[in-house]
Amino acid sequence: MRQPLSATELRELIYAKYGKTYDYMDKLDGVAYLVGALGQTDKVRAFLKAPARSQKGMPPRPVVGTAISIRFDLEPGVVEEWFGNGYQ
């Protein structure tokens, strides 16, 4: 069974990677819950533990007006269930 991701752990991982925190704990708690519900905790942990680098034209570190983007590997049925039709 995967270890659940908490807001505290998520905040610590973001701080360790980028040297800053970019959000409030109550919002991170919701993000951590969603990541767990989608079964992507291992992917998020691996991404945040990897060195920061530019990817697909995005800067290596979040700046004002951008967010941390992590591409999930979800089955089409999961995408449709959570986000509706048309996001595939």
N, C-alpha and C. Protein backbone atom coordinates (compact mmCIF):
# COMPACT_ATOMS: atom_id res chain seq x y z
N MET A 1 0.84 -1.18 0.00
CA MET A 1 0.00 0.00 0.00
C MET A 1 0.88 1.25 0.00
N ARG A 2 0.52 2.21 -0.81
CA ARG A 2 1.27 3.45 -0.88
C ARG A 2 1.09 4.27 0.39
N GLN A 3 2.15 4.92 0.80
CA GLN A 3 2.09 5.82 1.94
C GLN A 3 1.36 7.09 1.52
N PRO A 4 0.32 7.52 2.24
CA PRO A 4 -0.37 8.75 1.88
C PRO A 4 0.57 9.95 1.91
N LEU A 5 0.29 10.92 1.08
CA LEU A 5 1.05 12.15 1.01
C LEU A 5 0.31 13.19 1.84
N SER A 6 0.99 13.81 2.78
CA SER A 6 0.37 14.84 3.62
C SER A 6 0.76 16.22 3.13
N ALA A 7 0.01 17.22 3.57
CA ALA A 7 0.33 18.61 3.23
C ALA A 7 1.71 18.98 3.76
N THR A 8 2.04 18.51 4.95
CA THR A 8 3.34 18.81 5.55
C THR A 8 4.46 18.23 4.71
N GLU A 9 4.33 16.96 4.31
CA GLU A 9 5.37 16.35 3.49
C GLU A 9 5.48 17.05 2.14
N LEU A 10 4.34 17.37 1.53
CA LEU A 10 4.34 18.05 0.25
C LEU A 10 5.05 19.40 0.36
N ARG A 11 4.75 20.15 1.40
CA ARG A 11 5.40 21.45 1.62
C ARG A 11 6.91 21.28 1.81
N GLU A 12 7.32 20.26 2.59
CA GLU A 12 8.74 20.01 2.82
C GLU A 12 9.46 19.61 1.54
N LEU A 13 8.83 18.79 0.71
CA LEU A 13 9.44 18.38 -0.56
C LEU A 13 9.59 19.58 -1.50
N ILE A 14 8.57 20.43 -1.56
CA ILE A 14 8.65 21.63 -2.40
C ILE A 14 9.75 22.55 -1.90
N TYR A 15 9.84 22.73 -0.59
CA TYR A 15 10.89 23.59 -0.03
C TYR A 15 12.27 23.01 -0.30
N ALA A 16 12.42 21.70 -0.15
CA ALA A 16 13.72 21.06 -0.38
C ALA A 16 14.16 21.22 -1.84
N LYS A 17 13.22 21.17 -2.77
CA LYS A 17 13.56 21.26 -4.18
C LYS A 17 13.78 22.70 -4.63
N TYR A 18 12.93 23.62 -4.19
CA TYR A 18 12.95 24.98 -4.72
C TYR A 18 13.43 26.04 -3.72
N GLY A 19 13.60 25.68 -2.45
CA GLY A 19 14.09 26.64 -1.46
C GLY A 19 13.04 27.63 -0.99
N LYS A 20 11.80 27.44 -1.40
CA LYS A 20 10.69 28.31 -1.00
C LYS A 20 9.43 27.47 -0.94
N THR A 21 8.46 28.00 -0.22
CA THR A 21 7.14 27.38 -0.27
C THR A 21 6.23 28.33 -1.05
N TYR A 22 5.36 27.77 -1.81
CA TYR A 22 4.56 28.57 -2.74
C TYR A 22 3.07 28.55 -2.45
N ASP A 23 2.65 27.93 -1.39
CA ASP A 23 1.22 27.82 -1.15
C ASP A 23 0.93 27.72 0.35
N TYR A 24 -0.35 27.74 0.70
CA TYR A 24 -0.78 27.60 2.09
C TYR A 24 -1.12 26.17 2.39
N MET A 25 -1.00 25.81 3.68
CA MET A 25 -1.18 24.42 4.10
C MET A 25 -2.57 23.87 3.76
N ASP A 26 -3.62 24.66 3.92
CA ASP A 26 -4.96 24.13 3.65
C ASP A 26 -5.12 23.77 2.18
N LYS A 27 -4.52 24.53 1.29
CA LYS A 27 -4.59 24.20 -0.13
C LYS A 27 -3.73 22.96 -0.43
N LEU A 28 -2.56 22.88 0.19
CA LEU A 28 -1.69 21.72 -0.01
C LEU A 28 -2.35 20.44 0.50
N ASP A 29 -3.16 20.56 1.54
CA ASP A 29 -3.86 19.39 2.06
C ASP A 29 -4.82 18.86 1.00
N GLY A 30 -5.51 19.74 0.30
CA GLY A 30 -6.41 19.31 -0.78
C GLY A 30 -5.65 18.71 -1.95
N VAL A 31 -4.50 19.31 -2.29
CA VAL A 31 -3.67 18.79 -3.37
C VAL A 31 -3.16 17.40 -3.01
N ALA A 32 -2.67 17.26 -1.77
CA ALA A 32 -2.15 15.96 -1.32
C ALA A 32 -3.25 14.89 -1.36
N TYR A 33 -4.46 15.27 -0.96
CA TYR A 33 -5.58 14.33 -0.99
C TYR A 33 -5.88 13.89 -2.43
N LEU A 34 -5.94 14.84 -3.34
CA LEU A 34 -6.23 14.53 -4.74
C LEU A 34 -5.14 13.64 -5.35
N VAL A 35 -3.88 13.96 -5.06
CA VAL A 35 -2.76 13.15 -5.57
C VAL A 35 -2.90 11.71 -5.08
N GLY A 36 -3.25 11.54 -3.81
CA GLY A 36 -3.44 10.20 -3.27
C GLY A 36 -4.62 9.49 -3.89
N ALA A 37 -5.73 10.20 -4.06
CA ALA A 37 -6.93 9.61 -4.65
C ALA A 37 -6.68 9.16 -6.09
N LEU A 38 -5.80 9.86 -6.79
CA LEU A 38 -5.45 9.49 -8.16
C LEU A 38 -4.34 8.45 -8.22
N GLY A 39 -3.80 8.06 -7.06
CA GLY A 39 -2.75 7.03 -7.03
C GLY A 39 -1.41 7.52 -7.57
N GLN A 40 -1.11 8.80 -7.40
CA GLN A 40 0.10 9.37 -7.98
C GLN A 40 1.12 9.85 -6.94
N THR A 41 1.00 9.36 -5.69
CA THR A 41 1.91 9.82 -4.64
C THR A 41 3.37 9.51 -4.96
N ASP A 42 3.65 8.32 -5.46
CA ASP A 42 5.04 7.96 -5.77
C ASP A 42 5.61 8.85 -6.86
N LYS A 43 4.80 9.16 -7.86
CA LYS A 43 5.25 10.02 -8.96
C LYS A 43 5.55 11.43 -8.47
N VAL A 44 4.70 11.97 -7.61
CA VAL A 44 4.91 13.32 -7.07
C VAL A 44 6.16 13.35 -6.20
N ARG A 45 6.33 12.36 -5.35
CA ARG A 45 7.53 12.31 -4.51
C ARG A 45 8.79 12.24 -5.37
N ALA A 46 8.78 11.39 -6.38
CA ALA A 46 9.96 11.23 -7.25
C ALA A 46 10.26 12.55 -7.97
N PHE A 47 9.23 13.22 -8.48
CA PHE A 47 9.42 14.49 -9.18
C PHE A 47 10.02 15.54 -8.25
N LEU A 48 9.49 15.64 -7.05
CA LEU A 48 9.96 16.68 -6.13
C LEU A 48 11.33 16.35 -5.52
N LYS A 49 11.71 15.09 -5.54
CA LYS A 49 13.05 14.73 -5.04
C LYS A 49 14.12 14.84 -6.12
N ALA A 50 13.72 14.89 -7.39
CA ALA A 50 14.67 15.02 -8.50
C ALA A 50 15.15 16.46 -8.60
N PRO A 51 16.35 16.68 -9.13
CA PRO A 51 16.85 18.04 -9.29
C PRO A 51 15.93 18.87 -10.20
N ALA A 52 15.83 20.15 -9.89
CA ALA A 52 15.02 21.06 -10.71
C ALA A 52 15.70 21.27 -12.05
N ARG A 53 14.92 21.16 -13.14
CA ARG A 53 15.46 21.41 -14.47
C ARG A 53 14.33 21.87 -15.38
N SER A 54 14.69 22.58 -16.44
CA SER A 54 13.70 23.03 -17.40
C SER A 54 13.10 21.83 -18.13
N GLN A 55 11.80 21.91 -18.38
CA GLN A 55 11.12 20.85 -19.11
C GLN A 55 10.08 21.47 -20.02
N LYS A 56 10.12 21.11 -21.29
CA LYS A 56 9.12 21.53 -22.28
C LYS A 56 8.87 23.03 -22.25
N GLY A 57 9.94 23.80 -22.20
CA GLY A 57 9.83 25.24 -22.25
C GLY A 57 9.50 25.91 -20.93
N MET A 58 9.25 25.14 -19.89
CA MET A 58 8.96 25.71 -18.57
C MET A 58 10.27 25.97 -17.83
N PRO A 59 10.33 27.04 -17.01
CA PRO A 59 11.55 27.31 -16.26
C PRO A 59 11.81 26.21 -15.23
N PRO A 60 13.06 26.08 -14.77
CA PRO A 60 13.36 25.03 -13.81
C PRO A 60 12.71 25.25 -12.45
N ARG A 61 12.37 26.49 -12.16
CA ARG A 61 11.73 26.81 -10.89
C ARG A 61 10.46 27.62 -11.16
N PRO A 62 9.42 27.41 -10.36
CA PRO A 62 8.20 28.19 -10.55
C PRO A 62 8.48 29.68 -10.35
N VAL A 63 7.85 30.50 -11.15
CA VAL A 63 7.94 31.95 -11.01
C VAL A 63 6.52 32.49 -10.93
N VAL A 64 6.38 33.75 -10.60
CA VAL A 64 5.06 34.35 -10.50
C VAL A 64 4.29 34.10 -11.80
N GLY A 65 3.11 33.59 -11.67
CA GLY A 65 2.29 33.33 -12.85
C GLY A 65 2.41 31.92 -13.40
N THR A 66 3.28 31.09 -12.83
CA THR A 66 3.39 29.70 -13.26
C THR A 66 3.17 28.79 -12.05
N ALA A 67 3.03 27.53 -12.32
CA ALA A 67 2.83 26.54 -11.26
C ALA A 67 3.77 25.38 -11.49
N ILE A 68 3.88 24.53 -10.49
CA ILE A 68 4.62 23.29 -10.65
C ILE A 68 3.74 22.35 -11.46
N SER A 69 4.24 21.86 -12.58
CA SER A 69 3.47 20.95 -13.43
C SER A 69 4.08 19.56 -13.39
N ILE A 70 3.26 18.59 -13.04
CA ILE A 70 3.69 17.20 -13.00
C ILE A 70 2.70 16.42 -13.85
N ARG A 71 3.20 15.76 -14.88
CA ARG A 71 2.33 14.98 -15.77
C ARG A 71 2.05 13.62 -15.14
N PHE A 72 0.77 13.33 -14.92
CA PHE A 72 0.37 12.06 -14.34
C PHE A 72 0.13 11.03 -15.45
N ASP A 73 0.31 9.77 -15.12
CA ASP A 73 0.00 8.67 -16.02
C ASP A 73 -1.31 8.05 -15.54
N LEU A 74 -2.42 8.52 -16.12
CA LEU A 74 -3.74 8.05 -15.71
C LEU A 74 -4.43 7.32 -16.84
N GLU A 75 -5.17 6.31 -16.49
CA GLU A 75 -5.98 5.59 -17.46
C GLU A 75 -7.09 6.53 -17.96
N PRO A 76 -7.50 6.40 -19.22
CA PRO A 76 -8.55 7.26 -19.75
C PRO A 76 -9.83 7.26 -18.92
N GLY A 77 -10.20 6.12 -18.37
CA GLY A 77 -11.40 6.05 -17.53
C GLY A 77 -11.29 6.88 -16.27
N VAL A 78 -10.10 6.93 -15.69
CA VAL A 78 -9.88 7.74 -14.49
C VAL A 78 -9.98 9.22 -14.84
N VAL A 79 -9.39 9.60 -15.95
CA VAL A 79 -9.45 11.00 -16.39
C VAL A 79 -10.90 11.41 -16.59
N GLU A 80 -11.66 10.58 -17.28
CA GLU A 80 -13.07 10.90 -17.53
C GLU A 80 -13.87 10.96 -16.24
N GLU A 81 -13.60 10.03 -15.32
CA GLU A 81 -14.33 10.00 -14.04
C GLU A 81 -14.09 11.28 -13.24
N TRP A 82 -12.85 11.73 -13.17
CA TRP A 82 -12.49 12.88 -12.34
C TRP A 82 -12.71 14.22 -13.04
N PHE A 83 -12.44 14.26 -14.32
CA PHE A 83 -12.40 15.55 -15.01
C PHE A 83 -13.43 15.69 -16.12
N GLY A 84 -14.20 14.63 -16.38
CA GLY A 84 -15.23 14.70 -17.41
C GLY A 84 -14.69 14.33 -18.79
N ASN A 85 -15.56 14.31 -19.73
CA ASN A 85 -15.21 13.95 -21.09
C ASN A 85 -14.52 15.12 -21.78
N GLY A 86 -13.55 14.85 -22.62
CA GLY A 86 -12.90 15.91 -23.38
C GLY A 86 -11.53 16.30 -22.89
N TYR A 87 -11.03 15.70 -21.81
CA TYR A 87 -9.70 16.04 -21.31
C TYR A 87 -8.64 15.04 -21.74
N GLN A 88 -8.94 14.19 -22.70
CA GLN A 88 -7.97 13.16 -23.09
C GLN A 88 -7.23 13.53 -24.29
